């Protein structure tokens, strides 16, 4: 089973920048598309923020198809952003819990590899001794 890429805390900043840009662009788009529902850019900003943060519609629902599509995009991106932030925060706790365990595993792996190298060297020595006896 292929492993999914890990969510990294370093991605959190760029994701928040993308979310803020999406809110700003959506506010402008909905203010121009939904003139009857959203009267200004600032009301559009409030509307987009409420959708992005999964609060839902504040005021009326969109009247146009384009406004509804912008709404759906904001809702979905809000869910993704919420999941991303939750995963990034959870990774802080998981990382703290697994660090000592992983360090112990690394030490055990190194010991096993050292033993395997030792056994391999001993086998090579035995094979060379046996090879010399067969030749004589």
Protein backbone atom coordinates (compact mmCIF):
# COMPACT_ATOMS: atom_id res chain seq x y z
CA UNK A 1 0.00 0.00 0.00
CA UNK A 2 1.55 3.34 -1.00
CA UNK A 3 2.20 5.69 1.87
CA UNK A 4 0.56 9.11 1.78
CA UNK A 5 2.78 12.17 2.13
CA UNK A 6 3.05 13.35 5.71
CA UNK A 7 1.48 16.62 6.69
CA UNK A 8 4.26 18.89 7.81
CA UNK A 9 3.93 21.83 10.14
CA UNK A 10 6.03 23.88 7.73
CA UNK A 11 3.15 23.72 5.24
CA UNK A 12 0.81 25.43 7.68
CA UNK A 13 2.01 28.98 6.90
CA UNK A 14 1.66 28.66 3.12
CA UNK A 15 -1.74 27.01 3.55
CA UNK A 16 -2.95 29.94 5.67
CA UNK A 17 -1.66 32.41 3.06
CA UNK A 18 -3.54 30.51 0.35
CA UNK A 19 -6.67 30.51 2.52
CA UNK A 20 -6.46 34.26 3.10
CA UNK A 21 -5.92 34.87 -0.61
CA UNK A 22 -8.90 32.65 -1.41
CA UNK A 23 -11.06 34.57 1.06
CA UNK A 24 -10.00 37.89 -0.49
CA UNK A 25 -10.57 36.73 -4.06
CA UNK A 26 -13.88 35.14 -3.17
CA UNK A 27 -15.00 38.30 -1.38
CA UNK A 28 -14.37 40.31 -4.52
CA UNK A 29 -15.98 37.70 -6.75
CA UNK A 30 -19.11 37.35 -4.65
CA UNK A 31 -19.44 41.13 -4.24
CA UNK A 32 -19.48 41.51 -8.01
CA UNK A 33 -21.61 38.40 -8.72
CA UNK A 34 -24.14 38.72 -5.90
CA UNK A 35 -25.00 42.41 -5.98
CA UNK A 36 -28.43 41.75 -4.47
CA UNK A 37 -27.14 39.50 -1.69
CA UNK A 38 -23.71 40.93 -0.88
CA UNK A 39 -23.56 44.67 -1.34
CA UNK A 40 -19.85 45.44 -0.94
CA UNK A 41 -16.39 43.93 -0.81
CA UNK A 42 -16.37 44.20 2.99
CA UNK A 43 -19.65 42.34 3.29
CA UNK A 44 -18.25 39.82 0.82
CA UNK A 45 -15.19 39.45 3.03
CA UNK A 46 -17.40 38.74 6.04
CA UNK A 47 -19.51 36.35 3.96
CA UNK A 48 -16.44 34.49 2.60
CA UNK A 49 -14.84 34.25 6.04
CA UNK A 50 -18.00 32.82 7.56
CA UNK A 51 -18.21 30.20 4.81
CA UNK A 52 -14.52 29.34 5.02
CA UNK A 53 -14.67 28.85 8.78
CA UNK A 54 -17.63 26.48 8.36
CA UNK A 55 -20.03 28.82 10.18
CA UNK A 56 -22.33 28.81 7.16
CA UNK A 57 -24.19 31.53 5.35
CA UNK A 58 -24.56 34.81 7.17
CA UNK A 59 -27.53 36.51 5.63
CA UNK A 60 -29.02 35.24 2.41
CA UNK A 61 -27.89 32.39 0.24
CA UNK A 62 -26.40 33.13 -3.18
CA UNK A 63 -28.85 33.87 -5.99
CA UNK A 64 -26.62 33.09 -8.98
CA UNK A 65 -25.01 29.84 -10.09
CA UNK A 66 -21.59 31.50 -10.07
CA UNK A 67 -22.16 32.70 -6.50
CA UNK A 68 -23.19 29.18 -5.48
CA UNK A 69 -20.03 27.74 -7.08
CA UNK A 70 -17.88 30.25 -5.19
CA UNK A 71 -19.74 29.23 -2.02
CA UNK A 72 -19.07 25.53 -2.61
CA UNK A 73 -15.38 26.22 -3.27
CA UNK A 74 -15.14 28.17 -0.02
CA UNK A 75 -16.94 25.49 1.98
CA UNK A 76 -14.73 22.70 0.64
CA UNK A 77 -11.54 24.68 1.13
CA UNK A 78 -12.70 25.51 4.67
CA UNK A 79 -13.09 21.80 5.44
CA UNK A 80 -9.66 21.08 3.98
CA UNK A 81 -8.06 23.92 5.91
CA UNK A 82 -9.70 22.84 9.17
CA UNK A 83 -8.50 19.26 8.64
CA UNK A 84 -5.00 20.49 7.73
CA UNK A 85 -4.69 22.67 10.82
CA UNK A 86 -6.02 19.85 13.02
CA UNK A 87 -3.52 17.40 11.52
CA UNK A 88 -0.64 19.85 11.95
CA UNK A 89 -1.54 20.38 15.61
CA UNK A 90 -1.94 16.65 16.20
CA UNK A 91 1.46 16.02 14.62
CA UNK A 92 3.04 18.16 17.34
CA UNK A 93 1.80 15.74 19.99
CA UNK A 94 2.50 12.59 18.00
CA UNK A 95 6.04 13.73 17.24
CA UNK A 96 6.75 14.30 20.93
CA UNK A 97 5.42 10.85 21.81
CA UNK A 98 7.26 8.93 19.09
CA UNK A 99 10.71 10.57 19.30
CA UNK A 100 12.00 8.49 22.26
CA UNK A 101 10.50 5.32 20.78
CA UNK A 102 12.10 5.97 17.38
CA UNK A 103 15.48 6.66 19.00
CA UNK A 104 15.30 3.29 20.77
CA UNK A 105 14.36 1.58 17.52
CA UNK A 106 17.30 3.21 15.75
CA UNK A 107 19.71 1.96 18.42
CA UNK A 108 18.28 -1.56 18.19
CA UNK A 109 18.58 -1.48 14.39
CA UNK A 110 22.21 -0.38 14.63
CA UNK A 111 22.98 -3.21 17.06
CA UNK A 112 21.32 -5.76 14.78
CA UNK A 113 23.25 -4.46 11.77
CA UNK A 114 26.52 -4.64 13.72
CA UNK A 115 25.79 -8.26 14.66
CA UNK A 116 24.93 -9.09 11.04
CA UNK A 117 28.22 -7.57 9.86
CA UNK A 118 30.10 -9.61 12.47
CA UNK A 119 28.34 -12.82 11.39
CA UNK A 120 29.01 -12.03 7.74
CA UNK A 121 32.71 -11.51 8.45
CA UNK A 122 32.91 -14.77 10.41
CA UNK A 123 31.14 -16.66 7.61
CA UNK A 124 33.54 -15.23 5.05
CA UNK A 125 36.47 -16.32 7.21
CA UNK A 126 35.04 -19.85 7.58
CA UNK A 127 34.38 -20.08 3.84
CA UNK A 128 37.94 -19.03 3.08
CA UNK A 129 39.30 -21.68 5.51
CA UNK A 130 37.08 -24.37 3.98
CA UNK A 131 38.12 -23.31 0.51
CA UNK A 132 41.81 -23.72 1.40
CA UNK A 133 41.25 -27.26 2.75
CA UNK A 134 39.44 -28.33 -0.42
CA UNK A 135 42.33 -27.07 -2.57
CA UNK A 136 44.99 -29.15 -0.73
